[in-house]
Amino acid sequence: AHTVIITKYGMSPPDLGLRNKAYEPRELTVQVCDKVVWENQDFKSSTMYHTATAGNPDVDKVDDPNYKPRFDTGGLVKGAKSKPVQFADPGEFPYFCKPHHWMRGKVKVVSRKK
């Protein structure tokens, strides 16, 4: 599985210039059927959690209780890893942190090389 690191910089407001460092790598390219795991390495808080939830808060109604994301890691506290998320279809899949909408990333899924 590929691993995406969730912020090493702490949950900083978006105006501190760390918006693009919330997930490392911010954009990950994988092949169809690959799996991705998110790991929370936030050094500042042992009680704050982060998520990797499919969607784009600027477009999708992510605060609607009926919103059904394609994937959602659930709350990951410091040191926690998500269950693997498998990507079966090609495409671009943006995601964000539910409590911190400015934390965003993307998984790009390409067809398997033959």
Protein backbone atom coordinates (compact mmCIF):
# COMPACT_ATOMS: atom_id res chain seq x y z
CA ALA A 1 0.00 0.00 0.00
CA HIS A 2 1.06 3.59 -0.61
CA THR A 3 1.25 5.81 2.46
CA VAL A 4 0.16 9.42 2.75
CA ILE A 5 1.43 11.26 5.81
CA ILE A 6 -1.05 13.58 7.49
CA THR A 7 0.56 16.82 8.65
CA LYS A 8 3.88 16.83 10.43
CA TYR A 9 3.28 20.51 11.12
CA GLY A 10 0.31 20.50 13.42
CA MET A 11 -3.21 21.60 12.64
CA SER A 12 -2.41 25.13 11.52
CA PRO A 13 -4.93 27.64 10.22
CA PRO A 14 -4.74 28.08 6.45
CA ASP A 15 -3.19 31.54 6.64
CA LEU A 16 0.08 30.18 8.06
CA GLY A 17 1.25 28.94 4.67
CA LEU A 18 1.04 25.24 5.48
CA ARG A 19 -2.11 24.54 3.45
CA ASN A 20 -0.12 22.60 0.84
CA LYS A 21 1.72 20.56 3.47
CA ALA A 22 -1.28 19.05 5.24
CA TYR A 23 -0.87 15.75 3.38
CA GLU A 24 2.45 14.45 2.05
CA PRO A 25 2.40 13.93 -0.81
CA ARG A 26 -0.42 16.35 -1.50
CA GLU A 27 -1.14 14.58 -4.79
CA LEU A 28 -0.47 10.86 -5.05
CA THR A 29 -0.63 8.90 -8.31
CA VAL A 30 -1.45 5.19 -8.03
CA GLN A 31 -2.57 2.45 -10.39
CA VAL A 32 -6.04 0.88 -10.49
CA CYS A 33 -6.43 -1.64 -7.62
CA ASP A 34 -3.64 -0.03 -5.55
CA LYS A 35 -4.32 0.72 -1.90
CA VAL A 36 -3.58 3.87 0.07
CA VAL A 37 -3.11 4.23 3.83
CA TRP A 38 -3.14 7.56 5.68
CA GLU A 39 -1.01 7.98 8.79
CA ASN A 40 -1.43 10.86 11.26
CA GLN A 41 1.98 12.26 12.24
CA ASP A 42 0.69 15.52 13.72
CA PHE A 43 3.34 16.27 16.33
CA LYS A 44 1.39 18.95 18.20
CA SER A 45 -1.57 17.11 19.63
CA SER A 46 -2.27 13.67 20.95
CA THR A 47 -6.01 14.38 21.14
CA MET A 48 -6.70 16.20 17.84
CA TYR A 49 -7.78 13.95 15.02
CA HIS A 50 -7.60 14.30 11.26
CA THR A 51 -9.41 12.50 8.44
CA ALA A 52 -9.00 11.81 4.76
CA THR A 53 -12.55 12.13 3.48
CA ALA A 54 -13.39 11.99 -0.22
CA GLY A 55 -14.79 15.19 -1.65
CA ASN A 56 -14.15 18.87 -2.21
CA PRO A 57 -15.64 21.24 0.39
CA ASP A 58 -15.87 23.99 -2.26
CA VAL A 59 -18.15 21.88 -4.48
CA ASP A 60 -19.67 19.03 -2.50
CA LYS A 61 -22.16 19.47 0.35
CA VAL A 62 -19.76 17.85 2.81
CA ASP A 63 -21.54 19.23 5.89
CA ASP A 64 -24.88 17.72 4.85
CA PRO A 65 -25.64 14.74 7.14
CA ASN A 66 -26.70 12.79 4.04
CA TYR A 67 -23.32 13.30 2.30
CA LYS A 68 -21.85 9.90 1.43
CA PRO A 69 -18.14 10.14 0.60
CA ARG A 70 -16.50 7.57 -1.67
CA PHE A 71 -14.07 6.91 1.19
CA ASP A 72 -13.54 8.21 4.72
CA THR A 73 -10.73 7.15 7.04
CA GLY A 74 -12.66 8.25 10.10
CA GLY A 75 -10.88 10.20 12.82
CA LEU A 76 -7.18 9.32 13.09
CA VAL A 77 -5.44 10.45 16.26
CA LYS A 78 -1.68 11.01 16.48
CA GLY A 79 0.19 7.87 15.42
CA ALA A 80 -2.87 6.13 13.97
CA LYS A 81 -3.05 4.61 10.49
CA SER A 82 -6.18 4.19 8.41
CA LYS A 83 -7.42 0.94 7.01
CA PRO A 84 -6.25 0.58 3.39
CA VAL A 85 -8.47 2.27 0.82
CA GLN A 86 -8.46 0.51 -2.55
CA PHE A 87 -9.06 2.47 -5.74
CA ALA A 88 -10.82 0.33 -8.35
CA ASP A 89 -11.49 2.97 -11.00
CA PRO A 90 -9.28 5.48 -12.82
CA GLY A 91 -9.86 9.15 -12.06
CA GLU A 92 -8.97 11.97 -9.69
CA PHE A 93 -10.26 11.74 -6.15
CA PRO A 94 -9.91 14.89 -4.04
CA TYR A 95 -10.14 14.57 -0.27
CA PHE A 96 -10.03 16.78 2.81
CA CYS A 97 -9.97 16.72 6.60
CA LYS A 98 -13.49 16.94 8.08
CA PRO A 99 -12.58 19.17 11.05
CA HIS A 100 -10.13 21.26 8.99
CA HIS A 101 -11.56 21.88 5.50
CA TRP A 102 -8.44 23.74 4.37
CA MET A 103 -6.42 20.49 4.65
CA ARG A 104 -6.75 18.93 1.18
CA GLY A 105 -5.13 16.31 -1.03
CA LYS A 106 -5.82 14.25 -4.11
CA VAL A 107 -5.36 10.67 -5.27
CA LYS A 108 -4.96 10.28 -9.02
CA VAL A 109 -5.67 6.73 -10.22
CA VAL A 110 -4.32 5.65 -13.60
CA SER A 111 -4.88 2.43 -15.55
CA ARG A 112 -2.52 -0.40 -14.78
CA LYS A 113 0.52 -0.57 -17.03
CA LYS A 114 0.57 -3.64 -19.26
